Protein backbone atom coordinates (compact mmCIF):
# COMPACT_ATOMS: atom_id res chain seq x y z
CA MET A 1 6.29 22.27 -10.08
CA PRO A 2 9.12 21.16 -7.05
CA ALA A 3 11.29 18.34 -7.43
CA CYS A 4 10.37 15.03 -5.77
CA GLU A 5 11.84 14.26 -2.70
CA THR A 6 9.81 11.45 -1.98
CA VAL A 7 8.34 8.33 -3.85
CA VAL A 8 5.78 5.64 -2.54
CA PHE A 9 6.18 2.51 -5.22
CA ASP A 10 3.09 -0.17 -6.01
CA LEU A 11 4.91 -3.42 -5.47
CA ASP A 12 3.33 -6.05 -8.42
CA GLY A 13 3.01 -5.02 -11.69
CA THR A 14 5.27 -1.83 -10.89
CA LEU A 15 8.51 -3.08 -9.89
CA LEU A 16 8.31 -6.83 -9.71
CA ASP A 17 6.74 -8.83 -12.74
CA THR A 18 4.35 -10.93 -10.64
CA LEU A 19 1.64 -12.17 -13.06
CA CYS A 20 3.42 -15.42 -14.14
CA ASP A 21 3.90 -16.87 -10.11
CA LEU A 22 0.46 -15.28 -9.70
CA HIS A 23 -1.09 -17.47 -12.28
CA LEU A 24 0.12 -20.51 -11.07
CA SER A 25 -1.14 -20.35 -7.52
CA THR A 26 -4.25 -19.48 -8.26
CA ASN A 27 -4.55 -21.87 -10.76
CA ALA A 28 -3.03 -24.86 -8.10
CA ALA A 29 -5.41 -22.94 -4.90
CA LEU A 30 -8.09 -23.73 -8.36
CA ALA A 31 -7.66 -26.90 -8.50
CA ALA A 32 -6.50 -28.36 -5.29
CA HIS A 33 -10.50 -28.01 -4.81
CA GLY A 34 -11.53 -29.61 -7.80
CA MET A 35 -12.04 -25.64 -9.97
CA PRO A 36 -11.49 -24.78 -13.09
CA PRO A 37 -8.08 -22.80 -14.11
CA ARG A 38 -8.13 -19.01 -15.40
CA THR A 39 -6.16 -17.81 -18.08
CA ILE A 40 -3.46 -15.39 -16.99
CA ASP A 41 -5.11 -13.42 -18.92
CA GLU A 42 -7.78 -13.01 -16.08
CA VAL A 43 -5.36 -13.62 -13.54
CA ARG A 44 -4.08 -10.06 -14.74
CA ARG A 45 -7.27 -8.68 -14.15
CA PHE A 46 -8.03 -9.56 -11.07
CA VAL A 47 -5.09 -8.21 -9.25
CA GLY A 48 -4.76 -4.87 -7.64
CA ASN A 49 -6.93 -5.33 -4.43
CA GLY A 50 -5.64 -7.80 -2.76
CA ILE A 51 -5.51 -12.11 -2.95
CA ALA A 52 -8.60 -12.30 -1.49
CA LEU A 53 -10.68 -10.37 -4.09
CA LEU A 54 -7.79 -11.96 -6.15
CA ILE A 55 -9.82 -15.09 -4.74
CA HIS A 56 -12.54 -14.11 -5.47
CA ARG A 57 -12.97 -13.48 -8.87
CA ALA A 58 -11.11 -16.81 -9.29
CA VAL A 59 -13.60 -19.15 -8.26
CA PRO A 60 -16.84 -19.77 -9.84
CA GLU A 61 -19.92 -17.03 -9.33
CA GLY A 62 -21.83 -18.54 -6.24
CA THR A 63 -19.03 -20.56 -4.21
CA PRO A 64 -19.31 -21.03 -0.82
CA ALA A 65 -17.99 -18.28 1.41
CA GLU A 66 -16.10 -21.58 3.61
CA VAL A 67 -15.67 -22.90 0.46
CA GLU A 68 -13.93 -19.95 -0.75
CA ALA A 69 -11.67 -19.13 2.99
CA ALA A 70 -10.85 -22.46 1.64
CA VAL A 71 -9.07 -21.75 -1.44
CA LEU A 72 -7.42 -18.93 0.11
CA ASP A 73 -5.81 -20.70 2.56
CA SER A 74 -4.39 -22.80 -0.17
CA PHE A 75 -3.66 -19.64 -2.15
CA ARG A 76 -1.70 -18.33 0.38
CA ALA A 77 -0.09 -21.99 1.40
CA HIS A 78 1.43 -22.33 -2.76
CA TYR A 79 2.01 -18.69 -2.77
CA GLY A 80 4.46 -18.42 0.20
CA ALA A 81 6.91 -21.44 -1.25
CA HIS A 82 6.15 -20.53 -5.16
CA CYS A 83 6.00 -16.61 -5.11
CA GLU A 84 9.46 -16.37 -6.62
CA ASP A 85 10.45 -19.09 -8.98
CA HIS A 86 9.63 -16.77 -11.59
CA THR A 87 9.48 -13.43 -10.30
CA ALA A 88 11.99 -10.60 -10.96
CA PRO A 89 12.51 -6.86 -11.56
CA TYR A 90 10.93 -5.67 -14.53
CA PRO A 91 13.99 -3.55 -16.71
CA GLY A 92 15.89 -1.09 -15.54
CA ILE A 93 13.94 -1.34 -12.51
CA ARG A 94 17.24 -1.90 -9.58
CA GLU A 95 19.70 0.57 -12.13
CA LEU A 96 16.52 3.41 -11.38
CA LEU A 97 15.76 2.86 -7.85
CA ALA A 98 19.46 3.35 -7.19
CA SER A 99 19.85 6.33 -9.26
CA LEU A 100 16.71 7.84 -6.41
CA ARG A 101 18.41 6.89 -3.58
CA ALA A 102 21.75 8.23 -4.45
CA ALA A 103 19.76 11.13 -5.60
CA GLY A 104 18.41 11.26 -1.83
CA LEU A 105 14.87 10.46 -2.47
CA GLY A 106 13.08 8.29 -0.28
CA LEU A 107 11.30 5.59 -1.52
CA ALA A 108 9.01 3.39 -0.28
CA VAL A 109 6.02 0.17 -1.18
CA VAL A 110 3.00 0.07 -0.47
CA SER A 111 1.06 -2.89 -2.03
CA ASN A 112 -2.27 -4.62 -1.74
CA LYS A 113 -0.43 -8.43 -1.40
CA ALA A 114 -0.65 -9.87 1.46
CA ASP A 115 2.16 -8.41 4.05
CA PHE A 116 4.18 -11.83 4.59
CA ALA A 117 4.75 -11.96 0.90
CA VAL A 118 5.95 -7.81 0.49
CA GLN A 119 8.71 -8.22 3.00
CA GLU A 120 9.65 -11.13 1.58
CA LEU A 121 10.43 -9.77 -1.67
CA VAL A 122 11.49 -6.97 -1.38
CA GLY A 123 13.61 -7.81 1.17
CA ARG A 124 15.36 -10.53 -1.41
CA GLN A 125 14.85 -8.49 -4.68
CA PHE A 126 15.62 -5.14 -3.07
CA PRO A 127 17.63 -5.42 -0.12
CA GLY A 128 18.00 -2.14 1.61
CA ALA A 129 16.89 -0.19 -1.41
CA PHE A 130 13.72 1.51 0.55
CA ASP A 131 13.17 3.38 3.61
CA ALA A 132 9.59 1.74 4.25
CA VAL A 133 7.43 -1.09 2.98
CA LEU A 134 4.14 -1.98 3.48
CA GLY A 135 1.64 -5.03 3.05
CA GLU A 136 -1.85 -5.35 3.52
CA ASN A 137 -2.75 -5.14 7.33
CA GLU A 138 -6.48 -4.16 7.52
CA ALA A 139 -6.42 -6.66 10.75
CA ALA A 140 -4.62 -3.85 12.43
CA GLY A 141 -7.09 -0.80 11.35
CA VAL A 142 -5.02 0.43 7.70
CA ARG A 143 -7.65 0.35 5.15
CA LYS A 144 -5.97 -1.64 1.49
CA LYS A 145 -5.80 1.49 -1.12
CA PRO A 146 -7.12 3.10 -2.65
CA ALA A 147 -7.84 4.81 0.92
CA PRO A 148 -4.98 6.44 1.79
CA ASP A 149 -3.80 5.02 4.59
CA MET A 150 -1.20 2.25 3.36
CA VAL A 151 0.77 5.73 1.96
CA GLU A 152 0.39 8.01 5.06
CA ALA A 153 1.65 5.14 7.24
CA ALA A 154 4.32 4.51 5.09
CA LEU A 155 5.26 8.94 5.03
CA ASP A 156 5.21 7.83 9.15
CA ARG A 157 6.99 5.39 8.76
CA MET A 158 9.69 7.77 7.09
CA GLY A 159 9.23 10.83 9.24
CA ARG A 160 8.40 12.67 5.55
CA GLY A 161 5.17 14.87 4.85
CA ARG A 162 3.18 14.65 1.51
CA GLU A 163 5.27 18.01 -0.46
CA GLY A 164 7.22 16.84 -2.99
CA LEU A 165 5.79 13.09 -2.82
CA ALA A 166 5.06 10.89 -5.86
CA TYR A 167 3.08 8.21 -6.01
CA VAL A 168 4.07 4.87 -9.30
CA GLY A 169 1.64 2.42 -10.13
CA ASP A 170 -0.02 0.16 -12.78
CA SER A 171 -3.24 -0.28 -12.18
CA GLU A 172 -6.61 1.93 -11.39
CA VAL A 173 -6.24 1.15 -8.07
CA ASP A 174 -2.55 3.00 -7.88
CA VAL A 175 -4.55 5.83 -9.75
CA ALA A 176 -7.16 6.72 -7.83
CA THR A 177 -4.74 5.64 -4.07
CA ALA A 178 -2.79 8.97 -5.41
CA ALA A 179 -6.26 10.83 -5.72
CA ALA A 180 -6.94 10.30 -2.27
CA VAL A 181 -3.28 10.60 -0.75
CA GLY A 182 -3.31 14.03 -2.34
CA CYS A 183 -0.48 13.74 -4.60
CA ARG A 184 1.57 13.45 -7.73
CA CYS A 185 0.37 10.06 -9.83
CA VAL A 186 2.95 8.42 -12.40
CA ALA A 187 1.28 5.49 -14.16
CA CYS A 188 3.68 2.72 -15.77
CA SER A 189 2.68 1.33 -19.22
CA TRP A 190 5.02 -1.86 -17.92
CA GLY A 191 1.99 -3.35 -15.97
CA PHE A 192 -0.96 -4.90 -15.29
CA ARG A 193 -2.79 -2.24 -17.49
CA SER A 194 -3.15 -1.45 -20.38
CA VAL A 195 -2.64 2.61 -20.99
CA ALA A 196 -6.75 3.00 -22.28
CA ALA A 197 -7.82 1.40 -18.51
CA LEU A 198 -4.65 3.86 -16.99
CA VAL A 199 -6.20 7.31 -18.71
CA GLU A 200 -10.08 5.97 -18.62
CA ALA A 201 -8.91 5.81 -14.64
CA GLY A 202 -7.43 9.45 -14.71
CA ALA A 203 -4.10 9.40 -15.07
CA THR A 204 -1.92 12.06 -16.85
CA THR A 205 1.28 10.68 -16.54
CA ILE A 206 1.93 7.73 -18.51
CA VAL A 207 5.63 6.08 -18.46
CA ASP A 208 6.65 3.81 -21.16
CA THR A 209 10.16 3.03 -19.35
CA PRO A 210 12.24 3.06 -15.52
CA ALA A 211 14.37 5.40 -17.59
CA GLU A 212 11.58 7.56 -19.13
CA LEU A 213 10.16 6.85 -15.26
CA GLU A 214 14.10 7.92 -13.66
CA ARG A 215 13.81 11.20 -15.93
CA VAL A 216 9.98 12.37 -14.51
CA LEU A 217 10.81 12.22 -11.05
CA LEU A 218 14.40 13.45 -11.16
CA ALA A 219 13.46 16.66 -12.75
CA GLY A 220 9.68 17.19 -11.04
CA ALA A 221 8.26 17.44 -14.69
CA LEU A 222 4.59 16.08 -13.15
């Protein structure tokens, strides 16, 4: 296979360890409405499809839609103020991105997380590292992952095609996204899903460290 020319990354669980802040904001929103808390492992399972589904999964079954919407608003407010309290890049990620940039690869982030949080986190944690950064924007007709829309929008912004494209993520949503786009997929084991879950989702290339990911991407050994 040819060497990669473009890499599109997921954000949560791939580049950034956001789980603690997501957990705290989820429980703050639930508590504000008198609902029981969720464990961090529960929140780990709930993430991946955007914050609306995170909250839908977190509230008690049978919660009225208007109450769920209020919990979501509470989550947005709390997470907007606290999304970087404990969040940080996984060890080796900054070095990985620097190596890929030095090699001339085009880099993008696409995330089902709310766009306001994606732009803030990427802008602060990885200033200047990416050619395109997209968060959830279904109101504009861009479907969330695993639909291919977000990746296609990122490629359009970069002026690049699917040839030489690799997609990197940590969940079944990411594996399905790469399949929908029709590109190569690299799954990382350090994120929010187990290796067994990634294999079950169809991942065939799984890396355990950013250094291993760098070797795979630069060698084109996918």
